Each structure stands twice: as C-alpha cells, then as structure tokens.
Protein backbone atom coordinates (compact mmCIF):
# COMPACT_ATOMS: atom_id res chain seq x y z
CA ILE A 1 23.01 82.89 11.40
CA LYS A 2 24.64 80.34 13.68
CA ILE A 3 22.65 77.54 15.27
CA ARG A 4 23.62 74.68 17.56
CA VAL A 5 22.20 71.24 16.81
CA LYS A 6 22.20 67.91 18.66
CA ASN A 7 25.62 66.95 20.08
CA GLY A 8 26.62 70.61 20.23
CA ASP A 9 27.60 71.02 16.58
CA ILE A 10 27.43 74.64 15.40
CA MET A 11 26.15 75.26 11.88
CA ILE A 12 26.15 78.46 9.87
CA ILE A 13 23.24 79.31 7.59
CA ASP A 14 23.26 82.21 5.15
CA LYS A 15 20.63 84.79 6.15
CA LYS A 16 19.10 84.76 2.66
CA VAL A 17 18.80 80.97 2.79
CA ALA A 18 17.35 81.12 6.32
CA GLU A 19 14.41 83.12 4.91
CA LYS A 20 12.96 79.82 3.59
CA SER A 21 12.22 78.93 7.24
CA LYS A 22 9.74 81.09 9.14
CA LEU A 23 11.42 80.16 12.43
CA LEU A 24 14.97 80.88 11.28
CA ASN A 25 13.84 84.07 9.57
CA GLU A 26 12.39 85.29 12.88
CA LEU A 27 15.63 84.36 14.67
CA VAL A 28 17.66 86.36 12.15
CA LYS A 29 15.54 89.42 13.01
CA GLU A 30 15.66 88.82 16.77
CA LEU A 31 19.38 88.09 16.94
CA ALA A 32 20.50 90.81 14.54
CA ASP A 33 22.45 92.64 17.24
CA GLU A 34 23.50 89.63 19.29
CA GLU A 35 26.31 87.83 17.45
CA ASP A 36 27.19 85.66 20.47
CA ASP A 37 23.67 84.33 21.07
CA ILE A 38 23.40 80.91 19.39
CA PRO A 39 19.99 79.19 19.48
CA VAL A 40 20.00 75.48 20.30
CA PHE A 41 17.93 72.90 18.40
CA GLU A 42 18.35 69.57 20.19
CA PHE A 43 15.70 67.84 18.05
CA ILE A 44 17.86 67.75 14.92
CA ASP A 45 21.27 66.24 14.18
CA ARG A 46 23.98 67.63 11.93
CA ASP A 47 23.28 65.29 8.98
CA THR A 48 19.56 66.10 8.88
CA MET A 49 20.25 69.82 9.27
CA ASN A 50 22.69 69.61 6.35
CA LEU A 51 19.89 68.16 4.22
CA VAL A 52 17.51 70.92 5.35
CA ILE A 53 20.11 73.56 4.47
CA THR A 54 20.73 71.93 1.08
CA PHE A 55 17.00 72.10 0.37
CA MET A 56 16.75 75.75 1.45
CA GLU A 57 19.85 76.73 -0.54
CA TYR A 58 18.59 75.08 -3.70
CA HIS A 59 15.09 76.52 -3.43
CA SER A 60 16.29 80.00 -2.54
CA LYS A 61 17.70 80.07 -6.10
CA ASN A 62 15.26 77.70 -7.82
CA PRO A 63 11.58 78.21 -7.04
CA MET A 64 9.75 75.02 -6.24
CA THR A 65 7.28 73.80 -8.83
CA GLU A 66 3.64 73.55 -7.80
CA ILE A 67 2.63 70.10 -6.63
CA LYS A 68 -0.63 68.90 -8.19
CA LYS A 69 -3.22 67.91 -5.61
CA PRO A 70 -4.94 65.64 -5.07
CA MET A 71 -2.30 63.11 -6.05
CA LYS A 72 -3.24 61.21 -9.19
CA SER A 73 -0.24 58.89 -8.99
CA ASN A 74 2.44 57.61 -6.64
CA ASP A 75 4.97 58.83 -9.22
CA LEU A 76 6.01 62.20 -7.80
CA ASN A 77 7.14 63.44 -11.23
CA GLU A 78 3.54 63.03 -12.45
CA CYS A 79 2.41 65.14 -9.47
CA GLY A 80 4.55 68.07 -10.59
CA VAL A 81 7.54 67.42 -8.32
CA SER A 82 10.82 68.44 -9.96
CA LYS A 83 13.54 65.94 -10.76
CA TRP A 84 15.83 67.60 -8.19
CA ASP A 85 13.22 67.26 -5.46
CA VAL A 86 12.48 63.62 -6.34
CA GLU A 87 16.21 62.84 -6.10
CA PHE A 88 16.49 64.86 -2.86
CA LEU A 89 13.75 62.69 -1.33
CA ASP A 90 15.48 59.46 -2.35
CA VAL A 91 16.43 58.70 1.27
CA ASP A 92 15.54 55.93 3.69
CA ASP A 93 12.33 56.18 5.70
CA LYS A 94 14.05 57.22 8.93
CA ILE A 95 15.68 60.22 7.24
CA LEU A 96 12.43 61.06 5.43
CA ILE A 97 10.60 61.22 8.78
CA GLN A 98 13.40 63.32 10.27
CA LEU A 99 13.14 65.74 7.33
CA ALA A 100 9.36 65.96 7.74
CA THR A 101 9.76 66.66 11.45
CA ALA A 102 12.47 69.28 10.84
CA SER A 103 10.39 70.97 8.15
CA ASP A 104 7.50 71.21 10.62
CA MET A 105 9.65 72.46 13.51
CA PHE A 106 11.47 75.04 11.37
CA ASP A 107 8.24 75.95 9.57
CA ILE A 108 9.54 75.32 6.05
CA VAL A 109 6.26 75.01 4.19
CA GLU A 110 7.70 73.79 0.88
CA LEU A 111 9.78 71.04 2.50
CA PHE A 112 6.87 69.98 4.70
CA GLU A 113 4.59 69.71 1.66
CA LEU A 114 7.24 67.79 -0.26
CA THR A 115 7.99 65.29 2.52
CA SER A 116 4.26 64.87 3.17
CA ILE A 117 3.51 63.97 -0.44
CA LYS A 118 6.43 61.53 -0.45
CA ILE A 119 5.17 59.85 2.73
CA ALA A 120 1.63 59.76 1.31
CA SER A 121 2.93 58.08 -1.86
CA LYS A 122 4.68 55.44 0.26
CA MET A 123 1.50 54.83 2.31
CA HIS A 124 -0.97 54.64 -0.55
CA GLY A 125 -2.60 51.23 -0.95
CA LYS A 126 -0.89 49.63 2.04
CA GLN A 127 -2.46 47.91 5.00
CA LEU A 128 -1.87 49.28 8.49
CA ASN A 129 0.41 46.39 9.47
CA GLU A 130 2.57 47.07 6.40
CA LEU A 131 2.89 50.73 7.41
CA VAL A 132 3.80 49.78 10.97
CA ASN A 133 6.62 47.59 9.63
CA GLU A 134 7.78 49.99 6.92
CA PHE A 135 8.00 53.01 9.22
CA SER A 136 9.16 51.05 12.30
CA LEU A 137 6.19 52.22 14.34
CA LYS A 138 5.73 50.93 17.87
CA VAL A 139 2.19 49.53 17.86
CA ASP A 140 1.03 46.24 19.37
CA ASP A 141 -1.30 43.74 17.63
CA LYS A 142 -4.36 44.83 19.66
CA ASP A 143 -3.83 48.44 18.52
CA ILE A 144 -3.58 47.36 14.87
CA THR A 145 -6.81 45.34 15.12
CA LYS A 146 -8.60 48.27 16.77
CA LEU A 147 -7.28 50.77 14.20
CA ASN A 148 -8.29 48.51 11.32
CA LYS A 149 -11.84 48.33 12.68
CA THR A 150 -12.18 52.09 13.29
CA ASN A 151 -10.50 53.29 10.11
CA CYS A 152 -12.52 51.66 7.33
CA TRP A 153 -12.45 54.52 4.84
CA TYR A 154 -13.77 52.69 1.82
CA GLU A 155 -16.97 50.76 1.36
CA GLY A 156 -16.22 47.07 1.66
CA ASP A 157 -13.19 47.44 3.95
C-alpha cells in the first residue's frame, strides 16, 4: 500500500505488515482495486512513519511479549517488554510522543500499549512541574497550581 505523509513524501508499506494497523488494514481492503488512490496522512512525517513501519515489520515476524500490568517497576524489561522493544523506545521524548500519537491514529494497539507504558515509566514519581518541563508542555504557573490542588491522588499530597 502507498501512503503520502507530511511534506508529500510517498511511502510504501507491505500489505502483510500493514495488517498490524487496523486503519491501514482497512485501507488495503478499500483500495484493493484503486492503485492510483494514495491516502494522505498529514499528521505524521517521514521519519516517524519509518519508525512505525520498522515496528510493524518486526512484530509481523516476532510476536510481541505480553506486558505485565500493573507496572511493578520503571524498568521495562521487568515488565515483560522485550529487549528489542526497549531499544526501539530509546528515543527522545518528542519522538516518543509522535510514536504514541501515530500508534493511536493508525490504531496499532501493540505500539500504543508500548509507548504508553514507556511514557508512564517516565512520569512515575515526578511532580507536575517536572512533567511540564520534561515533555515541553505549554502550561502556565496558575494551571500547575490548580492541577496540583485538584490531582492529589495519594493521602498526604
């Protein structure tokens, strides 16, 4: 299947690999007779799509191991995440968020679960202001104070 990403780049994804994505799998079925029809995905750039394809290619041949929940550790290996997946997720926060967004948009359940557990491990034990800085979130000081007051999840917070 051919898709067009941000900046007009055209990418080709093997139909078997595309099955890892519910959205792409549906497009393969819908566009089976229309070779010239190329869907456009402006929300994703070429580099991020390459990572998504790499993930789908690997896991189309290597089933993903079950992730143990709830998380008992911030060490993803201890949560059942494979070495390959841990290394795959060794990216900066901006790319991690882009992968999480792409996995949601393309409906790739395994990648969404994997990026979510990675983000959760990075968030665990941190204060809201630390998260705002780490993930470059746009929140003003009044919002942080308000969120801190309304999100006391543990006794004594």
